[in-house]
Amino acid sequence: MDLQLTNKTAFVSGSTAGIGFSIAHKLLAEGARVIINGRSKDGVDKAVQELQSLVKGTQVSGIAADFSKADEINQLLAELPEVDILINNAGIFEPKAFTDIPDEDWFRFFDINVMSGIRLSRHYFPGMLKKNWGRIIFISSESGVFIPEEMIHYGMTKTAQIAVARGLAELTKGTGVTVNSILPGPTRSKGVGGFIEDLATAGKTSVEKVEEDFFKNMRPTSLINRFASTDEVANTVTYYCSPLASATNGAAIRVEGGLVRSII
């Protein structure tokens, strides 16, 4: 299927690894020009080289920026004045008991997970409206509707992303711009993979056993009973970036393996 993304320019925040990297890969394979992002120049350069080897002859570049630092965000926006597709993927997570989460962590999670997407969207949204075409996608999570007790501060930020995306979509009425959020479930990204490996080491058991226990005890409603791959999430994201998805706007699209039991 041709997703009609040739010559579209896409920016993917937090994309040197994990879901963001897979999204960049899929967009490049569909002919888009892609700008990736990470906190360090070395990490960005390495990811650009890897993407160039994966998809020959494509246009990929990168901009290093830490979304916890306003001056680096402003520099990024100056370097990249407009895009056709914005993927708000940058984010952090950390399991921590509610009573152990200090105020500083609540503000830090909100600033990086929510404000990063707000700042980028505020900058690029007017240009999309002027061109009468654009795509903004917030990579939220099933944790935004199924708040995990082990990281409530993270779930809060994912709920906020869904709200921001829906509100921004209301401003697109009658245009060719769409704003949606994607809700991945537990996904074997670099961060999650490392977390699972650490649990296996600490418990002197196997990664497979930790995964089995995770879905038995912590996410028992999952229908696929496994971690999704980053490519499975990226495939969905890439479709909703395309002109073919023009009738989907203001939606929260689930890629969570059936974990959330509600039918809407």
Protein backbone atom coordinates (compact mmCIF):
# COMPACT_ATOMS: atom_id res chain seq x y z
CA MET A 1 0.00 0.00 0.00
CA ASP A 2 1.32 3.43 -0.94
CA LEU A 3 0.80 5.72 2.07
CA GLN A 4 1.45 8.80 -0.11
CA LEU A 5 4.14 10.21 2.19
CA THR A 6 6.77 10.89 -0.46
CA ASN A 7 8.34 14.34 0.07
CA LYS A 8 6.46 14.96 3.32
CA THR A 9 8.74 16.30 6.06
CA ALA A 10 8.43 14.64 9.46
CA PHE A 11 9.99 15.40 12.82
CA VAL A 12 10.03 12.66 15.45
CA SER A 13 11.06 13.68 18.94
CA GLY A 14 12.90 11.18 21.11
CA SER A 15 13.75 8.95 18.16
CA THR A 16 17.28 7.61 18.55
CA ALA A 17 15.90 4.32 19.92
CA GLY A 18 12.72 2.44 20.70
CA ILE A 19 9.31 3.41 19.34
CA GLY A 20 10.57 6.74 17.99
CA PHE A 21 13.37 5.10 16.02
CA SER A 22 10.95 2.55 14.53
CA ILE A 23 8.55 5.35 13.54
CA ALA A 24 11.38 7.21 11.80
CA HIS A 25 12.36 4.00 10.00
CA LYS A 26 8.81 3.36 8.76
CA LEU A 27 8.33 6.96 7.62
CA LEU A 28 11.60 6.84 5.68
CA ALA A 29 10.54 3.59 4.03
CA GLU A 30 7.39 5.38 2.85
CA GLY A 31 9.40 8.16 1.22
CA ALA A 32 9.14 10.89 3.85
CA ARG A 33 12.01 13.21 4.74
CA VAL A 34 12.67 12.57 8.42
CA ILE A 35 14.41 14.57 11.12
CA ILE A 36 15.14 12.56 14.24
CA ASN A 37 15.99 13.80 17.70
CA GLY A 38 17.80 12.77 20.85
CA ARG A 39 19.51 14.40 23.78
CA SER A 40 23.10 14.00 22.58
CA LYS A 41 24.71 14.74 19.22
CA ASP A 42 26.62 11.47 19.31
CA GLY A 43 23.43 9.50 19.84
CA VAL A 44 21.65 11.37 17.06
CA ASP A 45 24.55 10.91 14.61
CA LYS A 46 24.70 7.17 15.34
CA ALA A 47 20.95 6.77 14.80
CA VAL A 48 21.07 8.76 11.54
CA GLN A 49 23.82 6.47 10.24
CA GLU A 50 21.83 3.38 11.21
CA LEU A 51 18.71 4.65 9.47
CA GLN A 52 20.71 5.49 6.35
CA SER A 53 21.93 1.89 6.26
CA LEU A 54 18.43 0.50 6.79
CA VAL A 55 16.71 2.60 4.11
CA LYS A 56 19.14 3.43 1.31
CA GLY A 57 18.87 6.69 -0.55
CA THR A 58 16.48 8.34 1.88
CA GLN A 59 16.62 11.81 3.40
CA VAL A 60 17.27 11.60 7.12
CA SER A 61 18.96 14.07 9.43
CA GLY A 62 18.95 14.81 13.12
CA ILE A 63 18.86 17.58 15.70
CA ALA A 64 20.09 17.07 19.26
CA ALA A 65 17.90 18.69 21.91
CA ASP A 66 17.06 17.88 25.51
CA PHE A 67 13.38 18.56 26.11
CA SER A 68 14.03 19.45 29.73
CA LYS A 69 16.02 22.50 28.58
CA ALA A 70 14.14 25.47 27.10
CA ASP A 71 17.15 26.93 25.30
CA GLU A 72 17.77 23.67 23.42
CA ILE A 73 14.10 23.47 22.43
CA ASN A 74 14.21 27.03 21.11
CA GLN A 75 17.34 26.23 19.10
CA LEU A 76 15.63 23.20 17.58
CA LEU A 77 12.65 25.29 16.53
CA ALA A 78 14.95 27.86 14.96
CA GLU A 79 16.74 25.14 12.96
CA LEU A 80 13.48 23.53 11.83
CA PRO A 81 10.87 26.24 11.20
CA GLU A 82 8.14 24.01 9.71
CA VAL A 83 7.19 20.37 9.19
CA ASP A 84 4.31 18.46 7.61
CA ILE A 85 4.23 15.73 10.25
CA LEU A 86 5.00 16.08 13.95
CA ILE A 87 5.39 13.01 16.14
CA ASN A 88 5.48 13.95 19.83
CA ASN A 89 7.27 10.89 21.17
CA ALA A 90 9.82 12.23 23.67
CA GLY A 91 9.12 11.02 27.17
CA ILE A 92 10.37 9.42 30.36
CA PHE A 93 9.00 6.78 32.72
CA GLU A 94 9.98 5.38 36.10
CA PRO A 95 8.20 2.95 38.39
CA LYS A 96 7.91 4.54 41.83
CA ALA A 97 5.49 4.23 44.75
CA PHE A 98 3.03 7.14 44.91
CA THR A 99 4.12 8.20 48.40
CA ASP A 100 7.75 8.31 47.24
CA ILE A 101 7.16 10.66 44.31
CA PRO A 102 8.28 14.20 45.30
CA ASP A 103 6.83 17.37 43.80
CA GLU A 104 9.93 17.77 41.67
CA ASP A 105 9.25 14.48 39.88
CA TRP A 106 5.64 15.40 39.14
CA PHE A 107 6.77 18.66 37.55
CA ARG A 108 9.68 16.99 35.69
CA PHE A 109 7.45 14.31 34.19
CA PHE A 110 4.86 16.88 33.15
CA ASP A 111 7.47 19.19 31.64
CA ILE A 112 9.14 16.50 29.53
CA ASN A 113 6.19 14.26 28.65
CA VAL A 114 3.49 16.87 28.14
CA MET A 115 5.06 20.28 27.61
CA SER A 116 7.50 18.96 24.98
CA GLY A 117 4.57 18.13 22.71
CA ILE A 118 2.73 21.33 23.56
CA ARG A 119 5.74 23.50 22.70
CA LEU A 120 6.37 21.73 19.40
CA SER A 121 2.69 21.70 18.43
CA ARG A 122 2.27 25.37 19.26
CA HIS A 123 5.15 26.15 16.90
CA TYR A 124 4.19 23.92 13.95
CA PHE A 125 0.39 23.94 14.10
CA PRO A 126 -0.16 27.42 12.54
CA GLY A 127 1.98 26.51 9.52
CA MET A 128 0.00 23.31 8.99
CA LEU A 129 -3.27 25.25 9.06
CA LYS A 130 -1.87 27.77 6.57
CA LYS A 131 -0.93 24.95 4.17
CA ASN A 132 -4.23 23.19 4.90
CA TRP A 133 -2.42 19.92 5.55
CA GLY A 134 -0.56 18.41 8.46
CA ARG A 135 -0.40 15.61 10.97
CA ILE A 136 0.29 15.89 14.70
CA ILE A 137 0.47 12.67 16.67
CA PHE A 138 1.05 12.35 20.40
CA ILE A 139 2.54 9.03 21.46
CA SER A 140 0.54 8.55 24.63
CA SER A 141 -0.03 5.15 26.26
CA GLU A 142 -2.66 2.77 27.54
CA SER A 143 -1.42 4.08 30.88
CA GLY A 144 -3.37 7.24 30.07
CA VAL A 145 -6.67 5.39 30.52
CA PHE A 146 -5.49 2.42 32.61
CA ILE A 147 -3.41 4.30 35.18
CA PRO A 148 -0.65 2.04 36.51
CA GLU A 149 -0.46 2.00 40.29
CA GLU A 150 3.32 1.64 40.12
CA MET A 151 3.82 4.94 38.24
CA ILE A 152 0.83 7.21 38.68
CA HIS A 153 2.84 10.30 37.73
CA TYR A 154 3.60 8.75 34.33
CA GLY A 155 -0.06 7.81 33.79
CA MET A 156 -1.09 11.36 34.61
CA THR A 157 1.10 12.74 31.83
CA LYS A 158 -0.27 10.24 29.31
CA THR A 159 -3.85 11.24 30.16
CA ALA A 160 -2.85 14.87 29.68
CA GLN A 161 -1.44 14.11 26.22
CA ILE A 162 -4.75 12.57 25.14
CA ALA A 163 -6.58 15.68 26.36
CA VAL A 164 -4.21 18.07 24.59
CA ALA A 165 -4.47 16.12 21.33
CA ARG A 166 -8.27 16.11 21.44
CA GLY A 167 -8.44 19.82 22.25
CA LEU A 168 -6.02 20.70 19.46
CA ALA A 169 -8.03 18.60 17.02
CA GLU A 170 -11.04 20.82 17.76
CA LEU A 171 -9.09 23.69 16.21
CA THR A 172 -8.72 21.86 12.88
CA LYS A 173 -12.39 21.84 11.84
CA GLY A 174 -12.83 22.02 8.09
CA THR A 175 -9.10 21.74 7.35
CA GLY A 176 -6.73 19.05 6.09
CA VAL A 177 -4.92 18.93 9.43
CA THR A 178 -5.49 16.10 11.89
CA VAL A 179 -4.36 15.59 15.48
CA ASN A 180 -4.53 12.17 17.10
CA SER A 181 -2.97 10.28 19.97
CA ILE A 182 -1.64 6.73 19.80
CA LEU A 183 -1.89 4.52 22.87
CA PRO A 184 0.72 1.76 22.83
CA GLY A 185 0.53 -0.94 25.45
CA PRO A 186 3.57 -2.56 27.07
CA THR A 187 6.17 -2.42 24.31
CA ARG A 188 9.62 -3.94 24.15
CA SER A 189 11.44 -0.66 23.69
CA LYS A 190 15.02 -0.09 24.77
CA GLY A 191 13.93 1.31 28.13
CA VAL A 192 11.41 -1.41 28.88
CA GLY A 193 13.78 -4.11 27.68
CA GLY A 194 16.45 -2.88 30.06
CA PHE A 195 13.94 -2.69 32.92
CA ILE A 196 12.83 -6.29 32.33
CA GLU A 197 16.43 -7.48 32.14
CA ASP A 198 17.22 -5.71 35.43
CA LEU A 199 14.24 -7.43 37.09
CA ALA A 200 15.39 -10.79 35.76
CA THR A 201 18.91 -10.23 37.09
CA ALA A 202 17.67 -9.05 40.48
CA GLY A 203 15.32 -12.02 40.76
CA LYS A 204 17.87 -14.49 39.43
CA THR A 205 15.45 -15.65 36.78
CA SER A 206 14.97 -15.42 33.02
CA VAL A 207 13.62 -12.54 30.95
CA GLU A 208 10.92 -14.90 29.65
CA LYS A 209 9.78 -15.68 33.21
CA VAL A 210 9.69 -12.00 34.13
CA GLU A 211 7.57 -11.29 31.03
CA GLU A 212 5.22 -14.16 31.88
CA ASP A 213 4.83 -12.93 35.45
CA PHE A 214 4.33 -9.33 34.28
CA PHE A 215 1.33 -10.24 32.15
CA LYS A 216 -0.04 -12.66 34.72
CA ASN A 217 0.14 -10.32 37.70
CA MET A 218 0.49 -6.70 36.49
CA ARG A 219 -1.31 -6.63 33.11
CA PRO A 220 -3.64 -9.65 33.28
CA THR A 221 -6.21 -8.14 30.89
CA SER A 222 -3.81 -8.21 27.93
CA LEU A 223 -5.18 -10.33 25.11
CA ILE A 224 -1.87 -10.90 23.38
CA ASN A 225 -0.04 -11.73 26.64
CA ARG A 226 3.27 -10.33 25.41
CA PHE A 227 5.10 -7.12 24.80
CA ALA A 228 4.37 -5.49 21.45
CA SER A 229 7.31 -4.79 19.20
CA THR A 230 8.24 -1.22 18.40
CA ASP A 231 7.55 -1.96 14.74
CA GLU A 232 3.96 -2.95 15.55
CA VAL A 233 3.40 0.45 17.11
CA ALA A 234 5.27 2.27 14.33
CA ASN A 235 3.17 0.61 11.61
CA THR A 236 0.03 2.09 13.16
CA VAL A 237 1.58 5.52 13.64
CA THR A 238 2.80 5.64 10.03
CA TYR A 239 -0.66 4.92 8.67
CA TYR A 240 -2.24 7.72 10.70
CA CYS A 241 0.43 10.10 9.40
CA SER A 242 -0.73 9.47 5.84
CA PRO A 243 -3.31 11.19 3.66
CA LEU A 244 -5.17 7.87 3.64
CA ALA A 245 -6.12 8.44 7.29
CA SER A 246 -7.74 11.82 6.59
CA ALA A 247 -11.09 10.88 8.23
CA THR A 248 -9.50 10.10 11.60
CA ASN A 249 -9.16 13.20 13.76
CA GLY A 250 -9.27 13.78 17.49
CA ALA A 251 -9.02 10.06 18.15
CA ALA A 252 -7.14 8.05 20.77
CA ILE A 253 -6.02 4.99 18.82
CA ARG A 254 -5.13 1.93 20.85
CA VAL A 255 -2.22 -0.38 20.04
CA GLU A 256 -2.23 -2.08 23.44
CA GLY A 257 -2.95 -5.72 22.72
CA GLY A 258 -6.50 -5.57 24.08
CA LEU A 259 -5.34 -4.67 27.56
CA VAL A 260 -7.99 -1.93 28.00
CA ARG A 261 -11.38 -3.63 28.30
CA SER A 262 -13.61 -0.72 27.32
CA ILE A 263 -15.09 -0.99 23.81
CA ILE A 264 -14.70 2.72 23.01
